[in-house]
């Protein structure tokens, strides 16, 4: 463990399997997972699923091992969580598709996945990680802020069938 990383403890979830070796089918699993959860929990329409599909296609088309990664958390062959790091310009990484199924929230799976992504980004040589999230995703905002991400901007607009406020967060990895 480096002096920068926090202690990671795998969540105690029977049957939990987490991988980030970009297996066949991971993109489809992530797309289905996000589409279903965001529709059921927030009423997002088909445009959200198309947005996620476009980003996942970009990830796959630009994937470079060691610079980008997608973590999939499964329990009994059902996806229960995901997170990804994508390479961007100027030694920046973008954090995307961070989601834990509502039935598995509060079990430290989100903290574990986020710390994996932060550690990966440090080891890949990134100087910062940025992300966009939504103001109504309270648990996500809390975990980002608890891990040192700072809100730098916000904007309101109509997305995915709803009026939403997007928030831009940055975590500096270098001092």
C-alpha atoms as a PDB file:
ATOM      1  CA  UNK A   1       0.000   0.000   0.000  1.00  0.00           C
ATOM      2  CA  UNK A   2       1.388   3.412  -0.925  1.00  0.00           C
ATOM      3  CA  UNK A   3       1.356   6.337   1.455  1.00  0.00           C
ATOM      4  CA  UNK A   4      -1.322   7.962  -0.728  1.00  0.00           C
ATOM      5  CA  UNK A   5      -3.872   5.160  -0.752  1.00  0.00           C
ATOM      6  CA  UNK A   6      -6.420   4.397   1.910  1.00  0.00           C
ATOM      7  CA  UNK A   7      -6.809   0.942   3.401  1.00  0.00           C
ATOM      8  CA  UNK A   8      -9.070  -1.119   1.155  1.00  0.00           C
ATOM      9  CA  UNK A   9     -11.076  -3.969   2.538  1.00  0.00           C
ATOM     10  CA  UNK A  10     -13.128  -6.124   0.214  1.00  0.00           C
ATOM     11  CA  UNK A  11     -16.804  -5.810   1.200  1.00  0.00           C
ATOM     12  CA  UNK A  12     -18.263  -8.821   3.027  1.00  0.00           C
ATOM     13  CA  UNK A  13     -20.842  -9.796   0.404  1.00  0.00           C
ATOM     14  CA  UNK A  14     -21.244 -13.573  -0.073  1.00  0.00           C
ATOM     15  CA  UNK A  15     -20.510 -14.563  -3.660  1.00  0.00           C
ATOM     16  CA  UNK A  16     -18.936 -11.197  -4.562  1.00  0.00           C
ATOM     17  CA  UNK A  17     -16.585 -11.189  -7.551  1.00  0.00           C
ATOM     18  CA  UNK A  18     -14.891  -8.008  -8.797  1.00  0.00           C
ATOM     19  CA  UNK A  19     -12.820  -7.984 -11.957  1.00  0.00           C
ATOM     20  CA  UNK A  20     -11.213  -5.336 -14.143  1.00  0.00           C
ATOM     21  CA  UNK A  21      -9.647  -7.457 -16.859  1.00  0.00           C
ATOM     22  CA  UNK A  22     -12.142  -6.242 -19.492  1.00  0.00           C
ATOM     23  CA  UNK A  23     -13.894  -9.479 -20.333  1.00  0.00           C
ATOM     24  CA  UNK A  24     -16.194 -10.133 -23.250  1.00  0.00           C
ATOM     25  CA  UNK A  25     -19.697  -8.959 -22.312  1.00  0.00           C
ATOM     26  CA  UNK A  26     -18.621  -6.350 -19.733  1.00  0.00           C
ATOM     27  CA  UNK A  27     -19.805  -3.453 -21.892  1.00  0.00           C
ATOM     28  CA  UNK A  28     -23.233  -5.016 -22.344  1.00  0.00           C
ATOM     29  CA  UNK A  29     -23.513  -5.782 -18.630  1.00  0.00           C
ATOM     30  CA  UNK A  30     -22.606  -2.207 -17.701  1.00  0.00           C
ATOM     31  CA  UNK A  31     -25.081  -0.787 -20.214  1.00  0.00           C
ATOM     32  CA  UNK A  32     -27.964  -2.983 -19.058  1.00  0.00           C
ATOM     33  CA  UNK A  33     -27.140  -2.319 -15.380  1.00  0.00           C
ATOM     34  CA  UNK A  34     -27.099   1.462 -15.786  1.00  0.00           C
ATOM     35  CA  UNK A  35     -30.177   1.563 -17.974  1.00  0.00           C
ATOM     36  CA  UNK A  36     -32.234  -0.524 -15.559  1.00  0.00           C
ATOM     37  CA  UNK A  37     -31.114   1.103 -12.296  1.00  0.00           C
ATOM     38  CA  UNK A  38     -31.385   4.698 -13.510  1.00  0.00           C
ATOM     39  CA  UNK A  39     -34.775   4.035 -15.064  1.00  0.00           C
ATOM     40  CA  UNK A  40     -36.146   2.342 -11.939  1.00  0.00           C
ATOM     41  CA  UNK A  41     -34.605   4.739  -9.409  1.00  0.00           C
ATOM     42  CA  UNK A  42     -34.757   8.073 -11.267  1.00  0.00           C
ATOM     43  CA  UNK A  43     -37.096   7.608 -14.229  1.00  0.00           C
ATOM     44  CA  UNK A  44     -34.416   8.311 -16.850  1.00  0.00           C
ATOM     45  CA  UNK A  45     -35.598   7.521 -20.347  1.00  0.00           C
ATOM     46  CA  UNK A  46     -34.014   5.721 -23.318  1.00  0.00           C
ATOM     47  CA  UNK A  47     -31.808   8.744 -24.065  1.00  0.00           C
ATOM     48  CA  UNK A  48     -29.795   7.974 -20.926  1.00  0.00           C
ATOM     49  CA  UNK A  49     -29.145   4.428 -22.092  1.00  0.00           C
ATOM     50  CA  UNK A  50     -27.987   5.782 -25.470  1.00  0.00           C
ATOM     51  CA  UNK A  51     -25.684   8.235 -23.654  1.00  0.00           C
ATOM     52  CA  UNK A  52     -24.123   5.386 -21.645  1.00  0.00           C
ATOM     53  CA  UNK A  53     -23.812   3.231 -24.790  1.00  0.00           C
ATOM     54  CA  UNK A  54     -21.929   6.006 -26.580  1.00  0.00           C
ATOM     55  CA  UNK A  55     -19.480   6.390 -23.706  1.00  0.00           C
ATOM     56  CA  UNK A  56     -18.934   2.647 -23.438  1.00  0.00           C
ATOM     57  CA  UNK A  57     -18.244   2.475 -27.179  1.00  0.00           C
ATOM     58  CA  UNK A  58     -15.681   5.269 -26.789  1.00  0.00           C
ATOM     59  CA  UNK A  59     -14.087   3.365 -23.902  1.00  0.00           C
ATOM     60  CA  UNK A  60     -13.794   0.165 -25.953  1.00  0.00           C
ATOM     61  CA  UNK A  61     -12.510   1.917 -29.074  1.00  0.00           C
ATOM     62  CA  UNK A  62      -9.804   3.829 -27.169  1.00  0.00           C
ATOM     63  CA  UNK A  63      -8.941   1.206 -24.542  1.00  0.00           C
ATOM     64  CA  UNK A  64      -5.281   0.974 -23.587  1.00  0.00           C
ATOM     65  CA  UNK A  65      -4.471  -1.492 -20.816  1.00  0.00           C
ATOM     66  CA  UNK A  66      -2.908   0.305 -17.859  1.00  0.00           C
ATOM     67  CA  UNK A  67      -4.431   3.661 -18.844  1.00  0.00           C
ATOM     68  CA  UNK A  68      -8.161   2.822 -18.776  1.00  0.00           C
ATOM     69  CA  UNK A  69     -10.057   0.260 -16.742  1.00  0.00           C
ATOM     70  CA  UNK A  70     -13.589  -0.953 -16.122  1.00  0.00           C
ATOM     71  CA  UNK A  71     -14.426  -2.737 -12.868  1.00  0.00           C
ATOM     72  CA  UNK A  72     -17.473  -4.988 -12.744  1.00  0.00           C
ATOM     73  CA  UNK A  73     -18.780  -6.239  -9.377  1.00  0.00           C
ATOM     74  CA  UNK A  74     -21.002  -9.303  -9.583  1.00  0.00           C
ATOM     75  CA  UNK A  75     -22.834 -11.431  -7.077  1.00  0.00           C
ATOM     76  CA  UNK A  76     -24.206 -14.784  -8.207  1.00  0.00           C
ATOM     77  CA  UNK A  77     -23.639 -13.718 -11.841  1.00  0.00           C
ATOM     78  CA  UNK A  78     -25.705 -10.522 -11.453  1.00  0.00           C
ATOM     79  CA  UNK A  79     -23.931  -7.192 -11.853  1.00  0.00           C
ATOM     80  CA  UNK A  80     -24.205  -5.173  -8.646  1.00  0.00           C
ATOM     81  CA  UNK A  81     -21.651  -2.431  -9.220  1.00  0.00           C
ATOM     82  CA  UNK A  82     -19.328  -0.769 -11.691  1.00  0.00           C
ATOM     83  CA  UNK A  83     -16.783   2.006 -12.077  1.00  0.00           C
ATOM     84  CA  UNK A  84     -14.387   3.014 -14.836  1.00  0.00           C
ATOM     85  CA  UNK A  85     -11.369   5.200 -15.502  1.00  0.00           C
ATOM     86  CA  UNK A  86     -10.843   6.632 -18.984  1.00  0.00           C
ATOM     87  CA  UNK A  87      -7.669   8.311 -20.198  1.00  0.00           C
ATOM     88  CA  UNK A  88      -8.056  11.985 -21.089  1.00  0.00           C
ATOM     89  CA  UNK A  89      -5.651  14.752 -22.152  1.00  0.00           C
ATOM     90  CA  UNK A  90      -3.083  16.506 -19.954  1.00  0.00           C
ATOM     91  CA  UNK A  91      -2.512  13.598 -17.551  1.00  0.00           C
ATOM     92  CA  UNK A  92      -6.177  13.602 -16.544  1.00  0.00           C
ATOM     93  CA  UNK A  93      -8.437  10.616 -15.993  1.00  0.00           C
ATOM     94  CA  UNK A  94     -12.213  10.644 -16.170  1.00  0.00           C
ATOM     95  CA  UNK A  95     -14.210   8.584 -13.706  1.00  0.00           C
ATOM     96  CA  UNK A  96     -17.374   7.135 -15.228  1.00  0.00           C
ATOM     97  CA  UNK A  97     -20.152   4.596 -14.648  1.00  0.00           C
ATOM     98  CA  UNK A  98     -19.800   4.520 -10.865  1.00  0.00           C
ATOM     99  CA  UNK A  99     -22.913   2.777  -9.630  1.00  0.00           C
ATOM    100  CA  UNK A 100     -23.829   0.306  -6.895  1.00  0.00           C
ATOM    101  CA  UNK A 101     -27.166  -1.480  -7.061  1.00  0.00           C
ATOM    102  CA  UNK A 102     -29.538  -0.044  -4.417  1.00  0.00           C
ATOM    103  CA  UNK A 103     -29.780  -3.439  -2.629  1.00  0.00           C
ATOM    104  CA  UNK A 104     -25.994  -3.428  -2.092  1.00  0.00           C
ATOM    105  CA  UNK A 105     -25.517   0.176  -1.021  1.00  0.00           C
ATOM    106  CA  UNK A 106     -24.219   0.751   2.499  1.00  0.00           C
ATOM    107  CA  UNK A 107     -21.994  -2.360   2.392  1.00  0.00           C
ATOM    108  CA  UNK A 108     -18.787  -0.471   1.446  1.00  0.00           C
ATOM    109  CA  UNK A 109     -18.806  -1.732  -2.133  1.00  0.00           C
ATOM    110  CA  UNK A 110     -18.876   1.833  -3.469  1.00  0.00           C
ATOM    111  CA  UNK A 111     -15.985   2.916  -1.244  1.00  0.00           C
ATOM    112  CA  UNK A 112     -13.981  -0.106  -2.346  1.00  0.00           C
ATOM    113  CA  UNK A 113     -14.613   0.482  -6.062  1.00  0.00           C
ATOM    114  CA  UNK A 114     -13.817   4.191  -5.816  1.00  0.00           C
ATOM    115  CA  UNK A 115     -10.555   3.504  -4.000  1.00  0.00           C
ATOM    116  CA  UNK A 116      -9.619   0.931  -6.673  1.00  0.00           C
ATOM    117  CA  UNK A 117     -10.189   3.595  -9.353  1.00  0.00           C
ATOM    118  CA  UNK A 118      -8.177   6.233  -7.464  1.00  0.00           C
ATOM    119  CA  UNK A 119      -5.271   3.839  -6.859  1.00  0.00           C
ATOM    120  CA  UNK A 120      -5.322   2.742 -10.509  1.00  0.00           C
ATOM    121  CA  UNK A 121      -5.216   6.399 -11.628  1.00  0.00           C
ATOM    122  CA  UNK A 122      -2.244   7.191  -9.383  1.00  0.00           C
ATOM    123  CA  UNK A 123      -0.375   4.120 -10.621  1.00  0.00           C
ATOM    124  CA  UNK A 124      -1.130   5.085 -14.240  1.00  0.00           C
ATOM    125  CA  UNK A 125       0.535   8.467 -13.667  1.00  0.00           C
ATOM    126  CA  UNK A 126      -2.516  10.685 -13.824  1.00  0.00           C
ATOM    127  CA  UNK A 127      -2.324  14.032 -12.045  1.00  0.00           C
ATOM    128  CA  UNK A 128      -6.066  14.390 -11.524  1.00  0.00           C
ATOM    129  CA  UNK A 129      -9.408  12.638 -11.912  1.00  0.00           C
ATOM    130  CA  UNK A 130     -12.534  14.473 -12.999  1.00  0.00           C
ATOM    131  CA  UNK A 131     -16.151  13.395 -13.162  1.00  0.00           C
ATOM    132  CA  UNK A 132     -19.638  14.646 -13.837  1.00  0.00           C
ATOM    133  CA  UNK A 133     -22.449  13.630 -11.518  1.00  0.00           C
ATOM    134  CA  UNK A 134     -25.943  14.846 -10.734  1.00  0.00           C
ATOM    135  CA  UNK A 135     -26.994  17.015  -7.823  1.00  0.00           C
ATOM    136  CA  UNK A 136     -29.765  14.576  -6.812  1.00  0.00           C
ATOM    137  CA  UNK A 137     -27.312  11.642  -6.405  1.00  0.00           C
ATOM    138  CA  UNK A 138     -26.690  12.373  -2.736  1.00  0.00           C
ATOM    139  CA  UNK A 139     -24.786   9.188  -1.857  1.00  0.00           C
ATOM    140  CA  UNK A 140     -22.450   9.662  -4.820  1.00  0.00           C
ATOM    141  CA  UNK A 141     -21.743  13.291  -3.893  1.00  0.00           C
ATOM    142  CA  UNK A 142     -21.022  12.246  -0.315  1.00  0.00           C
ATOM    143  CA  UNK A 143     -18.549   9.514  -1.275  1.00  0.00           C
ATOM    144  CA  UNK A 144     -16.771  11.780  -3.780  1.00  0.00           C
ATOM    145  CA  UNK A 145     -16.363  14.571  -1.254  1.00  0.00           C
ATOM    146  CA  UNK A 146     -15.266  12.137   1.484  1.00  0.00           C
ATOM    147  CA  UNK A 147     -12.490  10.988  -0.867  1.00  0.00           C
ATOM    148  CA  UNK A 148     -11.189  14.473  -1.614  1.00  0.00           C
ATOM    149  CA  UNK A 149     -13.063  15.370  -4.799  1.00  0.00           C
ATOM    150  CA  UNK A 150     -13.953  19.063  -4.955  1.00  0.00           C
ATOM    151  CA  UNK A 151     -16.902  20.538  -6.845  1.00  0.00           C
ATOM    152  CA  UNK A 152     -15.671  23.041  -9.422  1.00  0.00           C
ATOM    153  CA  UNK A 153     -18.738  23.819 -11.520  1.00  0.00           C
ATOM    154  CA  UNK A 154     -22.421  23.108 -12.029  1.00  0.00           C
ATOM    155  CA  UNK A 155     -24.921  23.522 -14.837  1.00  0.00           C
ATOM    156  CA  UNK A 156     -28.654  22.970 -15.214  1.00  0.00           C
ATOM    157  CA  UNK A 157     -30.253  21.537 -18.324  1.00  0.00           C
ATOM    158  CA  UNK A 158     -32.843  19.121 -19.610  1.00  0.00           C
ATOM    159  CA  UNK A 159     -31.421  15.590 -19.800  1.00  0.00           C
ATOM    160  CA  UNK A 160     -32.927  12.142 -20.148  1.00  0.00           C
ATOM    161  CA  UNK A 161     -36.496  13.341 -19.831  1.00  0.00           C
ATOM    162  CA  UNK A 162     -35.903  15.523 -16.743  1.00  0.00           C
ATOM    163  CA  UNK A 163     -34.585  18.912 -15.637  1.00  0.00           C
ATOM    164  CA  UNK A 164     -31.271  18.137 -13.896  1.00  0.00           C
ATOM    165  CA  UNK A 165     -28.267  19.869 -12.403  1.00  0.00           C
ATOM    166  CA  UNK A 166     -24.893  18.386 -13.340  1.00  0.00           C
ATOM    167  CA  UNK A 167     -21.897  18.816 -11.073  1.00  0.00           C
ATOM    168  CA  UNK A 168     -18.230  18.703 -12.114  1.00  0.00           C
ATOM    169  CA  UNK A 169     -15.795  17.335  -9.529  1.00  0.00           C
ATOM    170  CA  UNK A 170     -11.997  17.078  -9.564  1.00  0.00           C
ATOM    171  CA  UNK A 171      -9.557  15.135  -7.398  1.00  0.00           C
ATOM    172  CA  UNK A 172      -5.929  16.278  -7.560  1.00  0.00           C
ATOM    173  CA  UNK A 173      -3.585  13.299  -7.312  1.00  0.00           C
ATOM    174  CA  UNK A 174      -0.382  15.323  -7.091  1.00  0.00           C
ATOM    175  CA  UNK A 175       0.507  17.966  -4.553  1.00  0.00           C
END
